Amino acid sequence: MGYENDDLKMPNKIIEMGLLPDTTFKILYQAPFSGPLYVEFGDEKSRIALREEEARFIVVQPLT
């Protein structure tokens, strides 16, 4: 995972929750009607919800 649009201000929530560059995470599901994405990451299996405005900053690369 990396961040896109370095010119724009990264939402603090993403950084404070621990989603830093090179963090591996799993998309669990997306709520209906373009709702938030629920993701799980870290050794502790932390889970957070990201709104579309926040998720736009994250670049996802599939694991091979």
N, C-alpha and C. Protein backbone atom coordinates (compact mmCIF):
# COMPACT_ATOMS: atom_id res chain seq x y z
N MET A 1 0.84 -1.16 0.00
CA MET A 1 0.00 0.00 0.00
C MET A 1 0.89 1.23 0.00
N GLY A 2 0.48 2.24 -0.73
CA GLY A 2 1.16 3.52 -0.73
C GLY A 2 0.13 4.61 -0.76
N TYR A 3 0.59 5.83 -0.78
CA TYR A 3 -0.32 6.96 -0.81
C TYR A 3 -0.21 7.67 -2.14
N GLU A 4 -1.33 8.16 -2.63
CA GLU A 4 -1.39 8.88 -3.89
C GLU A 4 -1.67 10.34 -3.57
N ASN A 5 -1.30 11.22 -4.50
CA ASN A 5 -1.56 12.65 -4.37
C ASN A 5 -0.85 13.25 -3.17
N ASP A 6 0.46 13.23 -3.18
CA ASP A 6 1.23 13.82 -2.08
C ASP A 6 0.96 15.31 -1.95
N ASP A 7 0.47 15.96 -3.02
CA ASP A 7 0.17 17.38 -2.97
C ASP A 7 -1.03 17.67 -2.07
N LEU A 8 -1.91 16.71 -1.90
CA LEU A 8 -3.09 16.89 -1.09
C LEU A 8 -2.80 16.48 0.35
N LYS A 9 -3.53 17.05 1.29
CA LYS A 9 -3.32 16.72 2.69
C LYS A 9 -3.94 15.36 3.01
N MET A 10 -3.11 14.48 3.51
CA MET A 10 -3.55 13.15 3.90
C MET A 10 -4.47 13.27 5.11
N PRO A 11 -5.64 12.65 5.06
CA PRO A 11 -6.50 12.69 6.26
C PRO A 11 -5.77 12.10 7.46
N ASN A 12 -5.80 12.80 8.57
CA ASN A 12 -5.10 12.34 9.77
C ASN A 12 -5.58 10.99 10.25
N LYS A 13 -6.84 10.68 10.02
CA LYS A 13 -7.40 9.40 10.50
C LYS A 13 -6.60 8.23 9.95
N ILE A 14 -6.22 8.30 8.69
CA ILE A 14 -5.50 7.19 8.07
C ILE A 14 -4.16 6.97 8.77
N ILE A 15 -3.44 8.04 9.02
CA ILE A 15 -2.13 7.94 9.65
C ILE A 15 -2.27 7.53 11.12
N GLU A 16 -3.20 8.14 11.83
CA GLU A 16 -3.38 7.84 13.25
C GLU A 16 -3.80 6.40 13.49
N MET A 17 -4.53 5.83 12.56
CA MET A 17 -4.98 4.45 12.72
C MET A 17 -3.91 3.44 12.33
N GLY A 18 -2.79 3.89 11.79
CA GLY A 18 -1.69 2.98 11.50
C GLY A 18 -1.60 2.50 10.07
N LEU A 19 -2.41 3.04 9.17
CA LEU A 19 -2.31 2.66 7.76
C LEU A 19 -1.20 3.49 7.11
N LEU A 20 0.01 3.04 7.29
CA LEU A 20 1.19 3.72 6.76
C LEU A 20 1.64 3.04 5.48
N PRO A 21 2.49 3.69 4.69
CA PRO A 21 3.00 3.04 3.47
C PRO A 21 3.58 1.66 3.81
N ASP A 22 3.37 0.73 2.92
CA ASP A 22 3.83 -0.66 3.02
C ASP A 22 3.07 -1.48 4.07
N THR A 23 1.94 -0.97 4.55
CA THR A 23 1.09 -1.75 5.45
C THR A 23 0.29 -2.73 4.62
N THR A 24 0.29 -3.98 5.03
CA THR A 24 -0.52 -4.99 4.37
C THR A 24 -1.88 -5.02 5.05
N PHE A 25 -2.94 -4.99 4.25
CA PHE A 25 -4.28 -5.03 4.82
C PHE A 25 -5.20 -5.83 3.93
N LYS A 26 -6.35 -6.15 4.48
CA LYS A 26 -7.34 -6.97 3.78
C LYS A 26 -8.65 -6.18 3.75
N ILE A 27 -9.25 -6.08 2.57
CA ILE A 27 -10.56 -5.45 2.46
C ILE A 27 -11.59 -6.50 2.84
N LEU A 28 -12.34 -6.25 3.90
CA LEU A 28 -13.33 -7.21 4.38
C LEU A 28 -14.62 -7.10 3.58
N TYR A 29 -15.15 -5.89 3.45
CA TYR A 29 -16.35 -5.66 2.65
C TYR A 29 -16.62 -4.17 2.53
N GLN A 30 -17.53 -3.84 1.65
CA GLN A 30 -17.97 -2.46 1.50
C GLN A 30 -19.45 -2.39 1.84
N ALA A 31 -19.82 -1.41 2.64
CA ALA A 31 -21.22 -1.23 3.01
C ALA A 31 -22.04 -0.90 1.76
N PRO A 32 -23.32 -1.22 1.77
CA PRO A 32 -24.17 -0.95 0.62
C PRO A 32 -24.27 0.54 0.29
N PHE A 33 -24.69 0.81 -0.94
CA PHE A 33 -24.95 2.17 -1.41
C PHE A 33 -23.70 3.06 -1.32
N SER A 34 -22.58 2.53 -1.79
CA SER A 34 -21.29 3.26 -1.78
C SER A 34 -20.87 3.66 -0.38
N GLY A 35 -21.17 2.81 0.57
CA GLY A 35 -20.79 3.07 1.96
C GLY A 35 -19.31 2.85 2.18
N PRO A 36 -18.87 2.94 3.44
CA PRO A 36 -17.44 2.82 3.74
C PRO A 36 -16.88 1.42 3.47
N LEU A 37 -15.58 1.39 3.25
CA LEU A 37 -14.84 0.14 3.12
C LEU A 37 -14.38 -0.28 4.52
N TYR A 38 -14.55 -1.53 4.84
CA TYR A 38 -14.08 -2.05 6.11
C TYR A 38 -12.81 -2.85 5.84
N VAL A 39 -11.71 -2.46 6.50
CA VAL A 39 -10.42 -3.10 6.27
C VAL A 39 -9.85 -3.62 7.58
N GLU A 40 -9.02 -4.66 7.45
CA GLU A 40 -8.34 -5.27 8.60
C GLU A 40 -6.84 -5.23 8.31
N PHE A 41 -6.04 -4.90 9.32
CA PHE A 41 -4.59 -4.80 9.10
C PHE A 41 -3.84 -5.03 10.41
N GLY A 42 -2.55 -5.28 10.26
CA GLY A 42 -1.65 -5.41 11.41
C GLY A 42 -1.74 -6.76 12.09
N ASP A 43 -0.75 -7.01 12.95
CA ASP A 43 -0.69 -8.26 13.71
C ASP A 43 -1.86 -8.38 14.69
N GLU A 44 -2.36 -7.23 15.13
CA GLU A 44 -3.48 -7.21 16.09
C GLU A 44 -4.83 -7.37 15.41
N LYS A 45 -4.82 -7.44 14.07
CA LYS A 45 -6.06 -7.55 13.29
C LYS A 45 -6.99 -6.36 13.55
N SER A 46 -6.42 -5.16 13.56
CA SER A 46 -7.20 -3.94 13.74
C SER A 46 -8.16 -3.78 12.57
N ARG A 47 -9.34 -3.26 12.86
CA ARG A 47 -10.35 -3.04 11.81
C ARG A 47 -10.82 -1.60 11.86
N ILE A 48 -10.90 -0.99 10.68
CA ILE A 48 -11.43 0.37 10.59
C ILE A 48 -12.32 0.48 9.35
N ALA A 49 -13.12 1.52 9.34
CA ALA A 49 -13.95 1.84 8.19
C ALA A 49 -13.40 3.10 7.55
N LEU A 50 -13.27 3.09 6.24
CA LEU A 50 -12.77 4.25 5.50
C LEU A 50 -13.85 4.75 4.55
N ARG A 51 -14.15 6.02 4.66
CA ARG A 51 -15.08 6.63 3.71
C ARG A 51 -14.38 6.79 2.37
N GLU A 52 -15.15 6.98 1.33
CA GLU A 52 -14.60 7.11 -0.02
C GLU A 52 -13.57 8.24 -0.09
N GLU A 53 -13.84 9.35 0.59
CA GLU A 53 -12.90 10.49 0.56
C GLU A 53 -11.55 10.10 1.14
N GLU A 54 -11.53 9.22 2.14
CA GLU A 54 -10.28 8.78 2.74
C GLU A 54 -9.62 7.68 1.91
N ALA A 55 -10.42 6.77 1.41
CA ALA A 55 -9.91 5.63 0.65
C ALA A 55 -9.25 6.07 -0.66
N ARG A 56 -9.64 7.20 -1.19
CA ARG A 56 -9.04 7.70 -2.45
C ARG A 56 -7.54 7.90 -2.34
N PHE A 57 -7.04 8.12 -1.15
CA PHE A 57 -5.63 8.37 -0.96
C PHE A 57 -4.79 7.09 -0.97
N ILE A 58 -5.42 5.94 -0.89
CA ILE A 58 -4.69 4.68 -0.75
C ILE A 58 -4.56 3.99 -2.09
N VAL A 59 -3.34 3.58 -2.40
CA VAL A 59 -3.06 2.82 -3.61
C VAL A 59 -2.87 1.37 -3.19
N VAL A 60 -3.66 0.48 -3.75
CA VAL A 60 -3.63 -0.93 -3.37
C VAL A 60 -2.93 -1.75 -4.43
N GLN A 61 -2.07 -2.63 -4.00
CA GLN A 61 -1.40 -3.56 -4.90
C GLN A 61 -1.71 -4.97 -4.40
N PRO A 62 -2.24 -5.83 -5.28
CA PRO A 62 -2.56 -7.19 -4.84
C PRO A 62 -1.29 -7.95 -4.45
N LEU A 63 -1.43 -8.83 -3.47
CA LEU A 63 -0.31 -9.70 -3.09
C LEU A 63 -0.18 -10.78 -4.14
N THR A 64 1.04 -11.14 -4.46
CA THR A 64 1.25 -12.18 -5.46
C THR A 64 1.80 -13.43 -4.83
